[in-house]
N, C-alpha and C. Protein backbone atom coordinates (compact mmCIF):
# COMPACT_ATOMS: atom_id res chain seq x y z
N MET A 1 109.79 109.61 126.69
CA MET A 1 110.15 110.46 125.49
C MET A 1 111.04 111.57 126.02
N PHE A 2 111.50 112.24 124.96
CA PHE A 2 112.42 113.27 125.27
C PHE A 2 111.60 114.57 125.74
N PRO A 3 112.13 115.39 126.64
CA PRO A 3 111.44 116.48 127.09
C PRO A 3 110.99 117.42 126.03
N GLY A 4 109.72 117.81 125.94
CA GLY A 4 109.26 118.64 125.11
C GLY A 4 108.59 118.12 123.83
N VAL A 5 108.75 116.87 123.70
CA VAL A 5 108.28 116.09 122.47
C VAL A 5 106.81 116.15 122.47
N PHE A 6 106.07 116.01 123.59
CA PHE A 6 104.55 116.03 123.60
C PHE A 6 104.09 117.38 123.15
N GLU A 7 104.79 118.32 123.57
CA GLU A 7 104.39 119.88 123.18
C GLU A 7 104.51 120.10 121.74
N ILE A 8 105.60 119.58 121.22
CA ILE A 8 105.85 119.77 119.80
C ILE A 8 104.80 119.05 118.99
N LEU A 9 104.56 117.81 119.36
CA LEU A 9 103.43 116.93 118.67
C LEU A 9 102.13 117.65 118.82
N LEU A 10 101.79 118.29 119.90
CA LEU A 10 100.51 118.93 120.12
C LEU A 10 100.49 120.09 119.18
N ILE A 11 101.52 120.95 119.12
CA ILE A 11 101.66 122.07 118.20
C ILE A 11 101.45 121.78 116.81
N LEU A 12 102.08 120.73 116.35
CA LEU A 12 102.08 120.19 115.03
C LEU A 12 100.52 119.69 114.69
N GLY A 13 100.04 119.08 115.61
CA GLY A 13 98.54 118.58 115.42
C GLY A 13 97.57 119.75 115.27
N VAL A 14 97.72 120.74 116.11
CA VAL A 14 96.96 121.94 116.02
C VAL A 14 97.10 122.68 114.72
N LEU A 15 98.46 122.84 114.33
CA LEU A 15 98.79 123.47 113.20
C LEU A 15 98.16 122.74 111.88
N ALA A 16 98.28 121.46 111.94
CA ALA A 16 97.75 120.67 110.74
C ALA A 16 96.24 120.80 110.80
N LEU A 17 95.53 120.87 112.03
CA LEU A 17 94.06 120.99 112.03
C LEU A 17 93.69 122.34 111.43
N VAL A 18 94.44 123.37 111.58
CA VAL A 18 94.14 124.67 111.20
C VAL A 18 94.32 124.77 109.69
N VAL A 19 95.52 124.30 109.20
CA VAL A 19 95.87 124.45 107.86
C VAL A 19 95.11 123.54 106.87
N ILE A 20 95.02 122.33 107.29
CA ILE A 20 94.43 121.23 106.41
C ILE A 20 92.94 121.24 106.70
N GLY A 21 92.50 121.28 107.92
CA GLY A 21 91.00 121.18 108.14
C GLY A 21 90.69 119.76 108.74
N PRO A 22 89.58 119.84 109.49
CA PRO A 22 89.15 118.47 110.13
C PRO A 22 88.81 117.45 109.24
N ARG A 23 88.05 117.77 108.22
CA ARG A 23 87.53 116.78 107.28
C ARG A 23 88.66 116.11 106.49
N ARG A 24 89.58 116.88 105.98
CA ARG A 24 90.76 116.34 105.29
C ARG A 24 91.65 115.57 106.14
N ILE A 25 91.85 115.96 107.40
CA ILE A 25 92.61 115.26 108.33
C ILE A 25 92.10 113.93 108.55
N ALA A 26 90.72 113.78 108.79
CA ALA A 26 90.05 112.47 108.92
C ALA A 26 90.32 111.70 107.65
N ASN A 27 90.16 112.13 106.60
CA ASN A 27 90.37 111.36 105.25
C ASN A 27 91.78 111.00 105.19
N MET A 28 92.69 111.76 105.56
CA MET A 28 94.12 111.41 105.37
C MET A 28 94.44 110.29 106.46
N GLY A 29 93.87 110.50 107.68
CA GLY A 29 94.18 109.47 108.73
C GLY A 29 93.54 108.12 108.31
N ARG A 30 92.44 108.22 107.70
CA ARG A 30 91.75 106.87 107.20
C ARG A 30 92.63 106.26 106.10
N SER A 31 93.14 107.03 105.06
CA SER A 31 93.96 106.63 104.14
C SER A 31 95.24 106.01 104.61
N LEU A 32 95.92 106.71 105.59
CA LEU A 32 97.12 106.17 106.16
C LEU A 32 96.82 104.91 106.83
N GLY A 33 95.71 104.82 107.65
CA GLY A 33 95.42 103.55 108.30
C GLY A 33 95.24 102.40 107.33
N ARG A 34 94.49 102.65 106.23
CA ARG A 34 94.23 101.63 105.33
C ARG A 34 95.61 101.13 104.60
N GLY A 35 96.38 102.21 104.33
CA GLY A 35 97.65 101.73 103.76
C GLY A 35 98.54 100.98 104.74
N VAL A 36 98.55 101.29 105.88
CA VAL A 36 99.42 100.54 106.99
C VAL A 36 98.80 99.10 106.99
N TYR A 37 97.44 99.06 107.11
CA TYR A 37 96.81 97.82 107.05
C TYR A 37 97.16 96.83 105.89
N ASP A 38 97.06 97.39 104.71
CA ASP A 38 97.45 96.66 103.52
C ASP A 38 98.86 96.22 103.53
N PHE A 39 99.72 97.15 104.01
CA PHE A 39 101.10 96.87 104.02
C PHE A 39 101.46 95.70 104.94
N ILE A 40 100.79 95.77 106.10
CA ILE A 40 101.02 94.65 107.10
C ILE A 40 100.38 93.31 106.59
N ASP A 41 99.23 93.42 106.00
CA ASP A 41 98.68 92.17 105.45
C ASP A 41 99.53 91.68 104.29
N GLU A 42 100.10 92.49 103.45
CA GLU A 42 101.05 92.07 102.50
C GLU A 42 102.29 91.27 103.03
N ILE A 43 102.79 91.92 104.07
CA ILE A 43 104.03 91.19 104.72
C ILE A 43 103.61 89.83 105.21
N GLY A 44 102.44 89.72 105.84
CA GLY A 44 101.88 88.46 106.30
C GLY A 44 101.72 87.46 105.21
N ASN A 45 101.21 87.88 104.06
CA ASN A 45 100.97 86.97 102.94
C ASN A 45 102.28 86.49 102.43
N THR A 46 103.25 87.41 102.34
CA THR A 46 104.66 87.02 101.84
C THR A 46 105.30 86.06 102.83
N LYS A 47 105.15 86.18 104.11
CA LYS A 47 105.71 85.21 104.97
C LYS A 47 105.08 83.93 104.78
N ARG A 48 103.60 83.87 104.69
CA ARG A 48 102.84 82.65 104.52
C ARG A 48 103.25 82.01 103.14
N ASP A 49 103.45 82.84 102.19
CA ASP A 49 103.83 82.15 100.82
C ASP A 49 105.21 81.46 101.00
N GLU A 50 106.18 82.17 101.69
CA GLU A 50 107.50 81.60 101.77
C GLU A 50 107.40 80.34 102.67
N GLU A 51 106.61 80.36 103.64
CA GLU A 51 106.46 79.07 104.44
C GLU A 51 105.86 77.98 103.66
N LEU A 52 104.81 78.28 102.88
CA LEU A 52 104.21 77.28 101.94
C LEU A 52 105.22 76.74 100.99
N SER A 53 106.06 77.67 100.37
CA SER A 53 106.89 77.09 99.30
C SER A 53 108.00 76.27 100.05
N GLU A 54 108.46 76.69 101.34
CA GLU A 54 109.48 75.87 101.97
C GLU A 54 108.83 74.47 102.30
N TYR A 55 107.56 74.42 102.62
CA TYR A 55 106.78 73.19 102.96
C TYR A 55 106.84 72.38 101.66
N ASP A 56 106.56 72.92 100.46
CA ASP A 56 106.54 72.28 99.20
C ASP A 56 107.88 71.67 98.87
N ARG A 57 108.95 72.40 99.12
CA ARG A 57 110.27 71.85 98.93
C ARG A 57 110.63 70.69 99.75
N ASP A 58 110.23 70.84 101.11
CA ASP A 58 110.44 69.73 102.08
C ASP A 58 109.60 68.50 101.56
N GLN A 59 108.43 68.69 101.13
CA GLN A 59 107.67 67.47 100.55
C GLN A 59 108.26 66.85 99.40
N GLU A 60 108.86 67.70 98.48
CA GLU A 60 109.45 67.15 97.31
C GLU A 60 110.64 66.38 97.63
N GLU A 61 111.35 66.91 98.64
CA GLU A 61 112.62 66.15 99.08
C GLU A 61 112.32 64.76 99.65
N LEU A 62 111.12 64.76 100.28
CA LEU A 62 110.73 63.51 100.97
C LEU A 62 110.23 62.40 99.86
N ASP A 63 109.56 62.89 98.95
CA ASP A 63 108.99 61.97 97.91
C ASP A 63 108.86 62.69 96.50
N PRO A 64 109.90 62.86 95.78
CA PRO A 64 109.75 63.73 94.55
C PRO A 64 108.75 63.07 93.49
N GLU A 65 108.51 61.80 93.47
CA GLU A 65 107.67 61.22 92.44
C GLU A 65 106.23 61.63 92.76
N GLU A 66 105.94 61.51 94.09
CA GLU A 66 104.49 61.89 94.38
C GLU A 66 104.20 63.44 94.16
N HIS A 67 105.10 64.21 94.37
CA HIS A 67 104.95 65.68 94.23
C HIS A 67 104.83 66.02 92.74
N ARG A 68 105.50 65.30 91.87
CA ARG A 68 105.30 65.66 90.42
C ARG A 68 103.93 65.18 89.85
N LYS A 69 103.26 64.18 90.44
CA LYS A 69 102.01 63.81 90.04
C LYS A 69 100.95 64.83 90.15
N GLU A 70 101.07 65.70 91.21
CA GLU A 70 100.14 66.76 91.53
C GLU A 70 100.22 67.81 90.54
């Protein structure tokens, strides 16, 4: 890291603790973590959906008649 970055982050953390309070910081951290988790999960679902639709297109190209029956 750049020199002094740790000190700046420490000062910001202490300042946030004093201004916001420990209980609200815990709730905000929990909400942020949940939001990041949901975002990453949604990205994974989008990739999986794209892979499945690509698989369906490949299957349709191989045998279009059988794919239409489903």
